[in-house]
Structure formats: C-alpha cells, structure tokens
C-alpha cells in the first residue's frame, strides 16, 4: 500500500505529471489527433510555467508554512527533540580519497534534511535534551534517514549518547507511530518536533493522533514575505526552486487527502 501511494504521488505531482502529459501528447500526435495533442502540450507548458514562478509557489506554500509559527525561545521546553528525516542520498559512498577532514560519511543528507538537522542541533545546544532521529529508507541500498541525520550531528559535536535513531518508519504517519513507541519506552512526555515549515501541519496532526504532546518547530521557513514584488519581472521568471516549492506544497495537500482516507486523521 505504501508503494502504491508513493507511486501515485510521483505520477500525479511535478515533474512526473509533466512527463506523463508529454508522453500522452506524443501518443495523441502519433495517432493523428494533432489539435488535441497541441492543446495538451499547451496546457502542460502553462502549468509548468505557473508552478515555476514565485507568486504561485509562495501562494501554495504560505497556508502551510503559517500554520505553526516559530515558538518563543524563552518558553521552549520538551523532553526530547524529534527531527524528521528529509532524505538521504541514494547509494551514498564514503569519499576515501578526500582525507579525514573532508571525507563524507556513508550516510549523507540530501534535500531538506540538512536544514532540519541544523534546527535540531541548535535546539539541542539550547535545551540539552536527546535527539530522536526519525526515518528509515524507502529505496533499496539507500542510507536510512536516521543514520544520515546521526552522521551529520556527530560531525557537529553531538555525542552518541544524545542520539536516538529510529530506522523503521517510511512515511510521516509511521514517524509518529514509532516515536510513540520510543516516547513510552523512555518515559518522555513531550517532543519538540522539527521539520520543514510546510510539512509541520501534517506532522503535528500525525503526532497528536498518537497522543504525543507536541511542540512544533519549523525549519526552512517561513521566510517568503517581502522576498519579491508580485509586479516585478523577477517574480515572473520561472525557476527550479519555485517549481520545487510548488511540488512540495501540492504533495502536502495530496497527502492530507490520503491521510484522511487511509488513516482517518
């Protein structure tokens, strides 16, 4: 079921949906449906452009990112810090020829993982509580997200005694379920949950579904207000980072619908 859900997500979201649309256009063209193929290609191009510009990307992300603002540092308290995995490099290998100072560990963070690790590290320095590192692997041969986080945090000076890797979970719902097991084993009462700002609403909903006292802490934003003028030419230039943001937001909206259908939350 998990692979079906992930597969559908890859097909229904950018860039997969654009690949399917172009393939369908080519099939229609080969079948002699030239006008239909041209219309589908035009619609694909328009959608790709709109999702790649700042106003659309930010409009999609803003409702998610504003849901849980950054808490006040003065009153921040929790028994442990749960850092959600944001991706581990597929098939990452140590760089043996780089020398000990520059060699990368076998488990290398990718994507959003680095920002989440940094936020977790800063919280650890302030609160001095253990770090629960959540995330297994969803690719054969890939490093687990928990191990990638642990390797990075050890490089930053966090002792192994303060790192609690959780390697079983494969999605956000399983992150929360496995966190519940560890919370009960360790006698913790509350968790500061660190993940990307756009991912926090779904994460908090999953953690609270399992009865975990949750303090949401956003990484990677929100920091978009005032970053552009909607009427400037730069706002209308398509960029890969804006397409990535649009895809992340659409993934969250689709995941909300799936979690309501699959898990009832």
Protein backbone atom coordinates (compact mmCIF):
# COMPACT_ATOMS: atom_id res chain seq x y z
CA UNK A 1 0.00 0.00 0.00
CA UNK A 2 2.84 2.40 0.83
CA UNK A 3 4.47 1.89 -2.57
CA UNK A 4 1.13 2.36 -4.31
CA UNK A 5 0.63 5.67 -2.50
CA UNK A 6 4.15 6.86 -3.26
CA UNK A 7 3.88 5.74 -6.89
CA UNK A 8 0.64 7.62 -7.37
CA UNK A 9 2.21 10.68 -5.79
CA UNK A 10 5.16 10.57 -8.20
CA UNK A 11 2.77 10.28 -11.15
CA UNK A 12 0.30 12.95 -10.05
CA UNK A 13 2.81 15.58 -8.94
CA UNK A 14 5.54 17.51 -10.75
CA UNK A 15 7.68 16.54 -12.52
CA UNK A 16 6.03 13.13 -13.08
CA UNK A 17 2.70 14.60 -14.19
CA UNK A 18 4.51 16.62 -16.86
CA UNK A 19 6.35 13.56 -18.16
CA UNK A 20 3.03 11.70 -18.41
CA UNK A 21 1.39 14.66 -20.12
CA UNK A 22 4.15 14.97 -22.72
CA UNK A 23 4.06 11.21 -23.34
CA UNK A 24 0.28 11.39 -23.81
CA UNK A 25 0.69 14.31 -26.21
CA UNK A 26 3.18 12.34 -28.31
CA UNK A 27 0.83 9.35 -28.35
CA UNK A 28 -2.05 11.55 -29.49
CA UNK A 29 0.15 13.11 -32.16
CA UNK A 30 1.17 9.68 -33.43
CA UNK A 31 -2.50 8.69 -33.57
CA UNK A 32 -3.30 11.73 -35.72
CA UNK A 33 -5.02 13.78 -33.01
CA UNK A 34 -2.93 16.87 -33.70
CA UNK A 35 -5.22 19.52 -32.24
CA UNK A 36 -5.77 17.53 -29.04
CA UNK A 37 -2.04 16.90 -28.74
CA UNK A 38 -1.27 20.58 -29.27
CA UNK A 39 -3.86 21.58 -26.67
CA UNK A 40 -2.47 19.15 -24.11
CA UNK A 41 1.09 20.37 -24.74
CA UNK A 42 -0.03 23.99 -24.37
CA UNK A 43 -1.79 23.21 -21.09
CA UNK A 44 1.30 21.37 -19.86
CA UNK A 45 3.52 24.33 -20.71
CA UNK A 46 1.19 26.77 -18.96
CA UNK A 47 1.02 24.61 -15.83
CA UNK A 48 4.79 24.18 -15.79
CA UNK A 49 5.31 27.93 -16.12
CA UNK A 50 2.80 28.88 -13.43
CA UNK A 51 4.16 26.38 -10.90
CA UNK A 52 7.70 27.65 -11.56
CA UNK A 53 7.12 31.31 -10.70
CA UNK A 54 7.36 32.87 -7.25
CA UNK A 55 3.78 34.19 -6.78
CA UNK A 56 2.20 30.80 -7.43
CA UNK A 57 4.78 28.82 -5.46
CA UNK A 58 4.53 31.13 -2.46
CA UNK A 59 0.73 31.18 -2.59
CA UNK A 60 0.70 27.39 -2.38
CA UNK A 61 3.27 27.23 0.43
CA UNK A 62 2.09 30.13 2.57
CA UNK A 63 -1.02 28.49 4.12
CA UNK A 64 1.09 25.51 5.18
CA UNK A 65 4.05 27.48 6.48
CA UNK A 66 1.98 29.92 8.54
CA UNK A 67 0.11 27.16 10.34
CA UNK A 68 2.79 26.74 13.03
CA UNK A 69 4.94 29.85 13.64
CA UNK A 70 8.34 29.65 15.28
CA UNK A 71 7.81 29.30 19.05
CA UNK A 72 9.34 31.70 21.56
CA UNK A 73 12.79 30.51 22.59
CA UNK A 74 12.27 31.75 26.15
CA UNK A 75 9.43 29.34 26.91
CA UNK A 76 10.53 26.40 24.79
CA UNK A 77 10.52 23.16 26.81
CA UNK A 78 10.39 19.48 25.85
CA UNK A 79 11.84 16.13 26.95
CA UNK A 80 13.39 15.34 23.57
CA UNK A 81 13.76 16.77 20.07
CA UNK A 82 12.31 14.73 17.21
CA UNK A 83 13.98 15.57 13.89
CA UNK A 84 12.14 14.31 10.82
CA UNK A 85 14.26 12.88 8.02
CA UNK A 86 14.31 14.95 4.87
CA UNK A 87 16.04 12.48 2.57
CA UNK A 88 19.29 10.53 2.45
CA UNK A 89 21.47 10.33 -0.63
CA UNK A 90 20.75 7.22 -2.67
CA UNK A 91 23.71 4.86 -2.55
CA UNK A 92 25.98 7.44 -0.89
CA UNK A 93 29.57 6.19 -0.51
CA UNK A 94 32.41 7.45 1.69
CA UNK A 95 34.93 9.60 -0.18
CA UNK A 96 38.05 7.68 0.77
CA UNK A 97 40.50 9.83 -1.21
CA UNK A 98 39.34 13.11 0.29
CA UNK A 99 41.25 12.69 3.55
CA UNK A 100 39.73 12.51 7.03
CA UNK A 101 38.93 16.22 7.21
CA UNK A 102 36.83 16.26 4.03
CA UNK A 103 35.57 12.69 3.65
CA UNK A 104 31.81 12.36 3.65
CA UNK A 105 30.16 9.64 5.75
CA UNK A 106 28.35 6.78 4.03
CA UNK A 107 25.05 8.31 5.18
CA UNK A 108 24.80 11.71 3.52
CA UNK A 109 21.89 14.12 3.97
CA UNK A 110 20.10 15.40 0.93
CA UNK A 111 17.24 17.75 0.25
CA UNK A 112 15.58 19.24 3.32
CA UNK A 113 17.44 17.04 5.76
CA UNK A 114 20.31 19.44 6.31
CA UNK A 115 18.06 22.36 7.36
CA UNK A 116 16.15 20.10 9.74
CA UNK A 117 19.40 18.77 11.21
CA UNK A 118 20.67 22.32 11.75
CA UNK A 119 17.48 23.36 13.54
CA UNK A 120 17.61 20.22 15.68
CA UNK A 121 21.26 20.91 16.52
CA UNK A 122 20.50 24.48 17.57
CA UNK A 123 17.67 23.25 19.80
CA UNK A 124 19.96 20.60 21.30
CA UNK A 125 22.51 23.26 22.20
CA UNK A 126 19.80 25.34 23.90
CA UNK A 127 17.83 22.60 25.67
CA UNK A 128 20.39 19.83 26.19
CA UNK A 129 17.84 17.04 25.66
CA UNK A 130 18.16 13.89 23.48
CA UNK A 131 17.59 13.96 19.72
CA UNK A 132 15.14 11.42 18.29
CA UNK A 133 16.15 10.98 14.64
CA UNK A 134 13.25 9.63 12.65
CA UNK A 135 13.32 7.91 9.27
CA UNK A 136 14.06 4.61 7.61
CA UNK A 137 14.80 4.14 3.93
CA UNK A 138 12.39 3.86 1.06
CA UNK A 139 14.98 2.93 -1.57
CA UNK A 140 16.88 -0.34 -1.65
CA UNK A 141 20.52 0.37 -0.93
CA UNK A 142 19.93 3.91 0.32
CA UNK A 143 21.11 5.07 3.72
CA UNK A 144 18.38 5.43 6.32
CA UNK A 145 17.37 9.00 7.02
CA UNK A 146 18.01 8.43 10.76
CA UNK A 147 21.60 7.32 10.09
CA UNK A 148 22.18 10.26 7.75
CA UNK A 149 20.99 12.65 10.44
CA UNK A 150 23.07 10.90 13.11
CA UNK A 151 26.24 11.03 10.99
CA UNK A 152 25.82 14.76 10.40
CA UNK A 153 25.01 15.58 14.01
CA UNK A 154 28.02 13.61 15.24
CA UNK A 155 30.16 15.71 12.88
CA UNK A 156 28.70 18.78 14.60
CA UNK A 157 29.71 17.57 18.05
CA UNK A 158 26.59 15.84 19.36
CA UNK A 159 27.63 12.78 21.43
CA UNK A 160 26.20 9.40 20.50
CA UNK A 161 24.54 9.15 23.92
CA UNK A 162 22.21 12.01 22.91
CA UNK A 163 21.22 10.44 19.57
CA UNK A 164 18.28 8.05 19.35
CA UNK A 165 17.91 6.79 15.75
CA UNK A 166 14.54 5.41 14.65
CA UNK A 167 15.04 3.44 11.43
CA UNK A 168 11.69 1.70 10.90
CA UNK A 169 9.38 4.44 9.61
CA UNK A 170 8.82 5.05 5.92
CA UNK A 171 6.39 7.95 5.97
CA UNK A 172 5.13 10.68 8.32
CA UNK A 173 2.40 8.53 9.88
CA UNK A 174 4.95 5.83 10.69
CA UNK A 175 7.33 8.52 12.04
CA UNK A 176 4.67 9.37 14.62
CA UNK A 177 3.79 5.74 15.39
CA UNK A 178 7.42 4.78 16.02
CA UNK A 179 8.01 7.97 18.01
CA UNK A 180 5.11 6.96 20.27
CA UNK A 181 6.82 3.63 20.98
CA UNK A 182 10.11 5.33 21.87
CA UNK A 183 8.39 8.02 23.96
CA UNK A 184 6.76 5.31 26.06
CA UNK A 185 9.99 3.31 26.37
CA UNK A 186 11.98 6.35 27.53
CA UNK A 187 9.33 7.89 29.74
CA UNK A 188 9.27 11.15 27.82
CA UNK A 189 6.19 13.34 27.99
CA UNK A 190 6.71 15.91 25.23
CA UNK A 191 8.61 16.27 21.97
CA UNK A 192 9.84 19.31 20.10
CA UNK A 193 9.12 18.17 16.53
CA UNK A 194 11.41 19.65 13.88
CA UNK A 195 10.61 19.51 10.19
CA UNK A 196 10.16 21.84 7.22
CA UNK A 197 7.56 24.53 7.87
CA UNK A 198 5.33 23.30 5.03
CA UNK A 199 5.48 19.74 6.43
CA UNK A 200 4.59 20.68 10.01
CA UNK A 201 0.75 20.68 9.75
CA UNK A 202 0.63 17.04 8.63
CA UNK A 203 3.41 16.00 11.02
CA UNK A 204 1.77 17.61 14.05
CA UNK A 205 -1.56 16.07 13.15
CA UNK A 206 0.04 12.61 12.98
CA UNK A 207 1.97 13.00 16.26
CA UNK A 208 -1.06 14.29 18.15
CA UNK A 209 -3.12 11.45 16.71
CA UNK A 210 -0.90 9.12 18.76
CA UNK A 211 -1.33 11.23 21.88
CA UNK A 212 2.16 12.76 21.86
CA UNK A 213 2.47 16.20 23.45
CA UNK A 214 3.96 18.07 20.50
CA UNK A 215 5.79 21.39 20.25
CA UNK A 216 6.13 22.20 16.51
CA UNK A 217 9.39 23.86 15.44
CA UNK A 218 9.69 24.87 11.77
CA UNK A 219 12.85 24.57 9.70
CA UNK A 220 13.24 26.01 6.17
CA UNK A 221 10.92 28.95 6.56
CA UNK A 222 8.58 30.64 6.59
CA UNK A 223 10.66 33.49 5.20
CA UNK A 224 8.94 34.48 1.97
CA UNK A 225 7.01 37.67 2.72
CA UNK A 226 8.71 40.62 1.13
CA UNK A 227 11.09 38.42 -0.83
CA UNK A 228 9.66 39.66 -4.11
CA UNK A 229 7.20 42.06 -5.62
CA UNK A 230 4.37 40.40 -7.48
CA UNK A 231 4.73 43.03 -10.20
CA UNK A 232 8.49 42.79 -10.68
CA UNK A 233 9.90 40.93 -13.67
CA UNK A 234 11.89 38.66 -11.39
CA UNK A 235 8.67 37.34 -9.87
CA UNK A 236 7.60 36.13 -13.30
CA UNK A 237 10.83 34.33 -14.22
CA UNK A 238 10.42 30.53 -13.91
CA UNK A 239 12.96 28.95 -11.57
CA UNK A 240 13.61 25.38 -10.44
CA UNK A 241 13.43 26.36 -6.76
CA UNK A 242 9.89 27.69 -7.23
CA UNK A 243 8.82 24.54 -9.06
CA UNK A 244 10.27 22.51 -6.19
CA UNK A 245 8.32 24.60 -3.69
CA UNK A 246 5.09 24.19 -5.66
CA UNK A 247 5.63 20.44 -5.88
CA UNK A 248 6.27 20.22 -2.12
CA UNK A 249 3.08 22.13 -1.34
CA UNK A 250 0.97 20.08 -3.75
CA UNK A 251 2.43 16.90 -2.21
CA UNK A 252 1.28 18.05 1.21
CA UNK A 253 -2.25 18.84 0.03
CA UNK A 254 -2.47 15.44 -1.66
CA UNK A 255 -1.05 13.75 1.44
CA UNK A 256 -3.68 15.41 3.64
CA UNK A 257 -6.39 13.87 1.49
CA UNK A 258 -4.66 10.47 1.52
CA UNK A 259 -4.18 10.51 5.31
CA UNK A 260 -7.85 11.32 5.82
CA UNK A 261 -8.81 8.40 3.55
CA UNK A 262 -6.16 5.91 4.74
CA UNK A 263 -5.71 6.73 8.42
CA UNK A 264 -8.78 8.78 9.28
CA UNK A 265 -6.81 11.81 10.50
